[in-house]
Amino acid sequence: MDVSLTSQIVNTATAMASAKASDAVNITMLKKALDVQEAAADTLLEAMVQSVPQPELASSGTLGTQLNTYA
């Protein structure tokens, strides 16, 4: 068996194992970053809901009883 071929196989296997571990770490860090962003977005939304009064829905008539939109 050729020594250089064996060396290439070992190098490839080592690189693949290292890449797999690196990918796992990257995915874990991405999940943590997304969790932090989710928490920040929740905080901002809660602050916005508390500071902006919500308009009352119309309860009678033809205007505003089917769809409630505002900018």
PDB file of N, CA and C in Angstrom:
ATOM      1  N   MET A   1       0.842  -1.170   0.000  1.00  0.00           N
ATOM      2  CA  MET A   1       0.000   0.000   0.000  1.00  0.00           C
ATOM      3  C   MET A   1       0.886   1.232   0.000  1.00  0.00           C
ATOM      4  N   ASP A   2       0.481   2.189  -0.751  1.00  0.00           N
ATOM      5  CA  ASP A   2       1.258   3.427  -0.897  1.00  0.00           C
ATOM      6  C   ASP A   2       1.124   4.280   0.364  1.00  0.00           C
ATOM      7  N   VAL A   3       2.270   4.743   0.888  1.00  0.00           N
ATOM      8  CA  VAL A   3       2.285   5.529   2.114  1.00  0.00           C
ATOM      9  C   VAL A   3       1.618   6.882   1.897  1.00  0.00           C
ATOM     10  N   SER A   4       1.804   7.491   0.749  1.00  0.00           N
ATOM     11  CA  SER A   4       1.208   8.805   0.492  1.00  0.00           C
ATOM     12  C   SER A   4      -0.315   8.704   0.422  1.00  0.00           C
ATOM     13  N   LEU A   5      -0.828   7.599  -0.137  1.00  0.00           N
ATOM     14  CA  LEU A   5      -2.269   7.401  -0.192  1.00  0.00           C
ATOM     15  C   LEU A   5      -2.834   7.248   1.222  1.00  0.00           C
ATOM     16  N   THR A   6      -2.152   6.487   2.051  1.00  0.00           N
ATOM     17  CA  THR A   6      -2.578   6.311   3.434  1.00  0.00           C
ATOM     18  C   THR A   6      -2.564   7.645   4.167  1.00  0.00           C
ATOM     19  N   SER A   7      -1.535   8.415   3.935  1.00  0.00           N
ATOM     20  CA  SER A   7      -1.424   9.729   4.562  1.00  0.00           C
ATOM     21  C   SER A   7      -2.564  10.635   4.116  1.00  0.00           C
ATOM     22  N   GLN A   8      -2.915  10.596   2.844  1.00  0.00           N
ATOM     23  CA  GLN A   8      -4.018  11.411   2.330  1.00  0.00           C
ATOM     24  C   GLN A   8      -5.344  10.991   2.953  1.00  0.00           C
ATOM     25  N   ILE A   9      -5.545   9.700   3.096  1.00  0.00           N
ATOM     26  CA  ILE A   9      -6.784   9.196   3.696  1.00  0.00           C
ATOM     27  C   ILE A   9      -6.880   9.654   5.151  1.00  0.00           C
ATOM     28  N   VAL A  10      -5.791   9.548   5.879  1.00  0.00           N
ATOM     29  CA  VAL A  10      -5.779   9.983   7.279  1.00  0.00           C
ATOM     30  C   VAL A  10      -6.023  11.482   7.371  1.00  0.00           C
ATOM     31  N   ASN A  11      -5.386  12.248   6.515  1.00  0.00           N
ATOM     32  CA  ASN A  11      -5.573  13.708   6.518  1.00  0.00           C
ATOM     33  C   ASN A  11      -7.018  14.080   6.194  1.00  0.00           C
ATOM     34  N   THR A  12      -7.599  13.392   5.223  1.00  0.00           N
ATOM     35  CA  THR A  12      -8.990  13.661   4.852  1.00  0.00           C
ATOM     36  C   THR A  12      -9.935  13.312   5.997  1.00  0.00           C
ATOM     37  N   ALA A  13      -9.714  12.171   6.628  1.00  0.00           N
ATOM     38  CA  ALA A  13     -10.557  11.762   7.756  1.00  0.00           C
ATOM     39  C   ALA A  13     -10.435  12.743   8.922  1.00  0.00           C
ATOM     40  N   THR A  14      -9.233  13.194   9.190  1.00  0.00           N
ATOM     41  CA  THR A  14      -9.014  14.159  10.263  1.00  0.00           C
ATOM     42  C   THR A  14      -9.705  15.480   9.952  1.00  0.00           C
ATOM     43  N   ALA A  15      -9.576  15.927   8.703  1.00  0.00           N
ATOM     44  CA  ALA A  15     -10.215  17.185   8.301  1.00  0.00           C
ATOM     45  C   ALA A  15     -11.736  17.081   8.393  1.00  0.00           C
ATOM     46  N   MET A  16     -12.288  15.939   8.012  1.00  0.00           N
ATOM     47  CA  MET A  16     -13.736  15.758   8.081  1.00  0.00           C
ATOM     48  C   MET A  16     -14.219  15.742   9.529  1.00  0.00           C
ATOM     49  N   ALA A  17     -13.482  15.100  10.410  1.00  0.00           N
ATOM     50  CA  ALA A  17     -13.852  15.067  11.826  1.00  0.00           C
ATOM     51  C   ALA A  17     -13.777  16.463  12.427  1.00  0.00           C
ATOM     52  N   SER A  18     -12.754  17.197  12.059  1.00  0.00           N
ATOM     53  CA  SER A  18     -12.601  18.562  12.552  1.00  0.00           C
ATOM     54  C   SER A  18     -13.725  19.456  12.026  1.00  0.00           C
ATOM     55  N   ALA A  19     -14.078  19.292  10.764  1.00  0.00           N
ATOM     56  CA  ALA A  19     -15.155  20.088  10.174  1.00  0.00           C
ATOM     57  C   ALA A  19     -16.482  19.772  10.847  1.00  0.00           C
ATOM     58  N   LYS A  20     -16.721  18.508  11.172  1.00  0.00           N
ATOM     59  CA  LYS A  20     -17.962  18.114  11.836  1.00  0.00           C
ATOM     60  C   LYS A  20     -18.054  18.765  13.210  1.00  0.00           C
ATOM     61  N   ALA A  21     -16.964  18.751  13.959  1.00  0.00           N
ATOM     62  CA  ALA A  21     -16.951  19.377  15.285  1.00  0.00           C
ATOM     63  C   ALA A  21     -17.138  20.887  15.160  1.00  0.00           C
ATOM     64  N   SER A  22     -16.486  21.471  14.186  1.00  0.00           N
ATOM     65  CA  SER A  22     -16.601  22.906  13.960  1.00  0.00           C
ATOM     66  C   SER A  22     -18.028  23.285  13.578  1.00  0.00           C
ATOM     67  N   ASP A  23     -18.659  22.482  12.730  1.00  0.00           N
ATOM     68  CA  ASP A  23     -20.044  22.736  12.344  1.00  0.00           C
ATOM     69  C   ASP A  23     -20.972  22.660  13.550  1.00  0.00           C
ATOM     70  N   ALA A  24     -20.734  21.710  14.421  1.00  0.00           N
ATOM     71  CA  ALA A  24     -21.570  21.575  15.623  1.00  0.00           C
ATOM     72  C   ALA A  24     -21.433  22.803  16.517  1.00  0.00           C
ATOM     73  N   VAL A  25     -20.226  23.294  16.676  1.00  0.00           N
ATOM     74  CA  VAL A  25     -20.002  24.491  17.493  1.00  0.00           C
ATOM     75  C   VAL A  25     -20.667  25.697  16.838  1.00  0.00           C
ATOM     76  N   ASN A  26     -20.536  25.831  15.521  1.00  0.00           N
ATOM     77  CA  ASN A  26     -21.146  26.949  14.812  1.00  0.00           C
ATOM     78  C   ASN A  26     -22.669  26.926  14.932  1.00  0.00           C
ATOM     79  N   ILE A  27     -23.269  25.771  14.838  1.00  0.00           N
ATOM     80  CA  ILE A  27     -24.721  25.655  14.961  1.00  0.00           C
ATOM     81  C   ILE A  27     -25.171  26.016  16.370  1.00  0.00           C
ATOM     82  N   THR A  28     -24.420  25.569  17.374  1.00  0.00           N
ATOM     83  CA  THR A  28     -24.751  25.908  18.755  1.00  0.00           C
ATOM     84  C   THR A  28     -24.672  27.411  18.983  1.00  0.00           C
ATOM     85  N   MET A  29     -23.638  28.039  18.465  1.00  0.00           N
ATOM     86  CA  MET A  29     -23.505  29.489  18.620  1.00  0.00           C
ATOM     87  C   MET A  29     -24.607  30.230  17.873  1.00  0.00           C
ATOM     88  N   LEU A  30     -24.990  29.753  16.708  1.00  0.00           N
ATOM     89  CA  LEU A  30     -26.085  30.366  15.950  1.00  0.00           C
ATOM     90  C   LEU A  30     -27.390  30.280  16.738  1.00  0.00           C
ATOM     91  N   LYS A  31     -27.656  29.127  17.339  1.00  0.00           N
ATOM     92  CA  LYS A  31     -28.876  28.964  18.146  1.00  0.00           C
ATOM     93  C   LYS A  31     -28.879  29.927  19.329  1.00  0.00           C
ATOM     94  N   LYS A  32     -27.722  30.085  19.974  1.00  0.00           N
ATOM     95  CA  LYS A  32     -27.643  31.009  21.104  1.00  0.00           C
ATOM     96  C   LYS A  32     -27.860  32.447  20.650  1.00  0.00           C
ATOM     97  N   ALA A  33     -27.291  32.808  19.515  1.00  0.00           N
ATOM     98  CA  ALA A  33     -27.479  34.164  18.987  1.00  0.00           C
ATOM     99  C   ALA A  33     -28.944  34.417  18.637  1.00  0.00           C
ATOM    100  N   LEU A  34     -29.607  33.429  18.066  1.00  0.00           N
ATOM    101  CA  LEU A  34     -31.023  33.576  17.745  1.00  0.00           C
ATOM    102  C   LEU A  34     -31.868  33.702  19.013  1.00  0.00           C
ATOM    103  N   ASP A  35     -31.509  32.972  20.063  1.00  0.00           N
ATOM    104  CA  ASP A  35     -32.226  33.078  21.338  1.00  0.00           C
ATOM    105  C   ASP A  35     -32.081  34.480  21.929  1.00  0.00           C
ATOM    106  N   VAL A  36     -30.882  35.048  21.836  1.00  0.00           N
ATOM    107  CA  VAL A  36     -30.649  36.394  22.345  1.00  0.00           C
ATOM    108  C   VAL A  36     -31.464  37.405  21.546  1.00  0.00           C
ATOM    109  N   GLN A  37     -31.491  37.245  20.219  1.00  0.00           N
ATOM    110  CA  GLN A  37     -32.272  38.150  19.380  1.00  0.00           C
ATOM    111  C   GLN A  37     -33.766  38.018  19.675  1.00  0.00           C
ATOM    112  N   GLU A  38     -34.217  36.805  19.920  1.00  0.00           N
ATOM    113  CA  GLU A  38     -35.629  36.596  20.252  1.00  0.00           C
ATOM    114  C   GLU A  38     -35.991  37.306  21.544  1.00  0.00           C
ATOM    115  N   ALA A  39     -35.132  37.197  22.543  1.00  0.00           N
ATOM    116  CA  ALA A  39     -35.383  37.858  23.819  1.00  0.00           C
ATOM    117  C   ALA A  39     -35.410  39.376  23.648  1.00  0.00           C
ATOM    118  N   ALA A  40     -34.498  39.910  22.859  1.00  0.00           N
ATOM    119  CA  ALA A  40     -34.466  41.351  22.620  1.00  0.00           C
ATOM    120  C   ALA A  40     -35.714  41.814  21.881  1.00  0.00           C
ATOM    121  N   ALA A  41     -36.153  41.049  20.892  1.00  0.00           N
ATOM    122  CA  ALA A  41     -37.357  41.400  20.147  1.00  0.00           C
ATOM    123  C   ALA A  41     -38.585  41.344  21.048  1.00  0.00           C
ATOM    124  N   ASP A  42     -38.665  40.339  21.904  1.00  0.00           N
ATOM    125  CA  ASP A  42     -39.783  40.248  22.845  1.00  0.00           C
ATOM    126  C   ASP A  42     -39.823  41.459  23.772  1.00  0.00           C
ATOM    127  N   THR A  43     -38.671  41.873  24.250  1.00  0.00           N
ATOM    128  CA  THR A  43     -38.595  43.033  25.133  1.00  0.00           C
ATOM    129  C   THR A  43     -39.063  44.291  24.413  1.00  0.00           C
ATOM    130  N   LEU A  44     -38.608  44.472  23.167  1.00  0.00           N
ATOM    131  CA  LEU A  44     -39.025  45.645  22.399  1.00  0.00           C
ATOM    132  C   LEU A  44     -40.521  45.629  22.121  1.00  0.00           C
ATOM    133  N   LEU A  45     -41.062  44.475  21.778  1.00  0.00           N
ATOM    134  CA  LEU A  45     -42.498  44.388  21.507  1.00  0.00           C
ATOM    135  C   LEU A  45     -43.322  44.666  22.761  1.00  0.00           C
ATOM    136  N   GLU A  46     -42.887  44.148  23.886  1.00  0.00           N
ATOM    137  CA  GLU A  46     -43.601  44.407  25.136  1.00  0.00           C
ATOM    138  C   GLU A  46     -43.567  45.891  25.484  1.00  0.00           C
ATOM    139  N   ALA A  47     -42.419  46.536  25.282  1.00  0.00           N
ATOM    140  CA  ALA A  47     -42.310  47.966  25.563  1.00  0.00           C
ATOM    141  C   ALA A  47     -43.204  48.767  24.617  1.00  0.00           C
ATOM    142  N   MET A  48     -43.270  48.352  23.369  1.00  0.00           N
ATOM    143  CA  MET A  48     -44.094  49.067  22.390  1.00  0.00           C
ATOM    144  C   MET A  48     -45.574  48.927  22.726  1.00  0.00           C
ATOM    145  N   VAL A  49     -46.003  47.731  23.097  1.00  0.00           N
ATOM    146  CA  VAL A  49     -47.412  47.508  23.417  1.00  0.00           C
ATOM    147  C   VAL A  49     -47.810  48.326  24.640  1.00  0.00           C
ATOM    148  N   GLN A  50     -46.923  48.451  25.608  1.00  0.00           N
ATOM    149  CA  GLN A  50     -47.235  49.205  26.820  1.00  0.00           C
ATOM    150  C   GLN A  50     -47.287  50.705  26.560  1.00  0.00           C
ATOM    151  N   SER A  51     -46.459  51.212  25.637  1.00  0.00           N
ATOM    152  CA  SER A  51     -46.379  52.653  25.420  1.00  0.00           C
ATOM    153  C   SER A  51     -47.366  53.159  24.381  1.00  0.00           C
ATOM    154  N   VAL A  52     -47.835  52.312  23.483  1.00  0.00           N
ATOM    155  CA  VAL A  52     -48.765  52.744  22.436  1.00  0.00           C
ATOM    156  C   VAL A  52     -50.159  52.267  22.809  1.00  0.00           C
ATOM    157  N   PRO A  53     -51.072  53.211  23.036  1.00  0.00           N
ATOM    158  CA  PRO A  53     -52.432  52.784  23.372  1.00  0.00           C
ATOM    159  C   PRO A  53     -53.099  52.128  22.159  1.00  0.00           C
ATOM    160  N   GLN A  54     -53.805  51.058  22.419  1.00  0.00           N
ATOM    161  CA  GLN A  54     -54.491  50.344  21.351  1.00  0.00           C
ATOM    162  C   GLN A  54     -55.856  50.973  21.127  1.00  0.00           C
ATOM    163  N   PRO A  55     -56.200  51.240  19.859  1.00  0.00           N
ATOM    164  CA  PRO A  55     -57.502  51.835  19.585  1.00  0.00           C
ATOM    165  C   PRO A  55     -58.626  50.839  19.863  1.00  0.00           C
ATOM    166  N   GLU A  56     -59.771  51.386  20.257  1.00  0.00           N
ATOM    167  CA  GLU A  56     -60.930  50.544  20.519  1.00  0.00           C
ATOM    168  C   GLU A  56     -61.545  50.098  19.202  1.00  0.00           C
ATOM    169  N   LEU A  57     -62.004  48.869  19.182  1.00  0.00           N
ATOM    170  CA  LEU A  57     -62.688  48.361  17.999  1.00  0.00           C
ATOM    171  C   LEU A  57     -64.104  48.909  17.952  1.00  0.00           C
ATOM    172  N   ALA A  58     -64.579  49.179  16.743  1.00  0.00           N
ATOM    173  CA  ALA A  58     -65.959  49.616  16.575  1.00  0.00           C
ATOM    174  C   ALA A  58     -66.873  48.437  16.884  1.00  0.00           C
ATOM    175  N   SER A  59     -67.949  48.710  17.585  1.00  0.00           N
ATOM    176  CA  SER A  59     -68.863  47.637  17.949  1.00  0.00           C
ATOM    177  C   SER A  59     -70.188  47.713  17.209  1.00  0.00           C
ATOM    178  N   SER A  60     -70.405  48.803  16.517  1.00  0.00           N
ATOM    179  CA  SER A  60     -71.651  48.915  15.754  1.00  0.00           C
ATOM    180  C   SER A  60     -71.402  49.736  14.505  1.00  0.00           C
ATOM    181  N   GLY A  61     -72.317  49.661  13.559  1.00  0.00           N
ATOM    182  CA  GLY A  61     -72.192  50.399  12.313  1.00  0.00           C
ATOM    183  C   GLY A  61     -71.502  49.580  11.243  1.00  0.00           C
ATOM    184  N   THR A  62     -71.264  50.212  10.103  1.00  0.00           N
ATOM    185  CA  THR A  62     -70.664  49.503   8.975  1.00  0.00           C
ATOM    186  C   THR A  62     -69.179  49.788   8.829  1.00  0.00           C
ATOM    187  N   LEU A  63     -68.685  50.745   9.572  1.00  0.00           N
ATOM    188  CA  LEU A  63     -67.278  51.126   9.432  1.00  0.00           C
ATOM    189  C   LEU A  63     -66.478  50.664  10.645  1.00  0.00           C
ATOM    190  N   GLY A  64     -65.466  49.848  10.415  1.00  0.00           N
ATOM    191  CA  GLY A  64     -64.560  49.438  11.476  1.00  0.00           C
ATOM    192  C   GLY A  64     -64.975  48.199  12.247  1.00  0.00           C
ATOM    193  N   THR A  65     -66.027  47.543  11.830  1.00  0.00           N
ATOM    194  CA  THR A  65     -66.463  46.358  12.565  1.00  0.00           C
ATOM    195  C   THR A  65     -65.930  45.070  11.963  1.00  0.00           C
ATOM    196  N   GLN A  66     -65.414  45.116  10.736  1.00  0.00           N
ATOM    197  CA  GLN A  66     -64.951  43.918  10.062  1.00  0.00           C
ATOM    198  C   GLN A  66     -63.430  43.807  10.065  1.00  0.00           C
ATOM    199  N   LEU A  67     -62.744  44.937   9.976  1.00  0.00           N
ATOM    200  CA  LEU A  67     -61.290  44.916   9.855  1.00  0.00           C
ATOM    201  C   LEU A  67     -60.708  46.092  10.631  1.00  0.00           C
ATOM    202  N   ASN A  68     -59.732  45.818  11.475  1.00  0.00           N
ATOM    203  CA  ASN A  68     -59.119  46.859  12.293  1.00  0.00           C
ATOM    204  C   ASN A  68     -57.660  47.011  11.857  1.00  0.00           C
ATOM    205  N   THR A  69     -57.356  48.094  11.190  1.00  0.00           N
ATOM    206  CA  THR A  69     -55.973  48.345  10.763  1.00  0.00           C
ATOM    207  C   THR A  69     -55.581  49.764  11.168  1.00  0.00           C
ATOM    208  N   TYR A  70     -54.320  49.946  11.484  1.00  0.00           N
ATOM    209  CA  TYR A  70     -53.784  51.265  11.751  1.00  0.00           C
ATOM    210  C   TYR A  70     -52.295  51.248  11.496  1.00  0.00           C
ATOM    211  N   ALA A  71     -51.726  52.414  11.223  1.00  0.00           N
ATOM    212  CA  ALA A  71     -50.309  52.499  10.903  1.00  0.00           C
ATOM    213  C   ALA A  71     -49.533  52.933  12.119  1.00  0.00           C
TER     214      ALA A  71
END
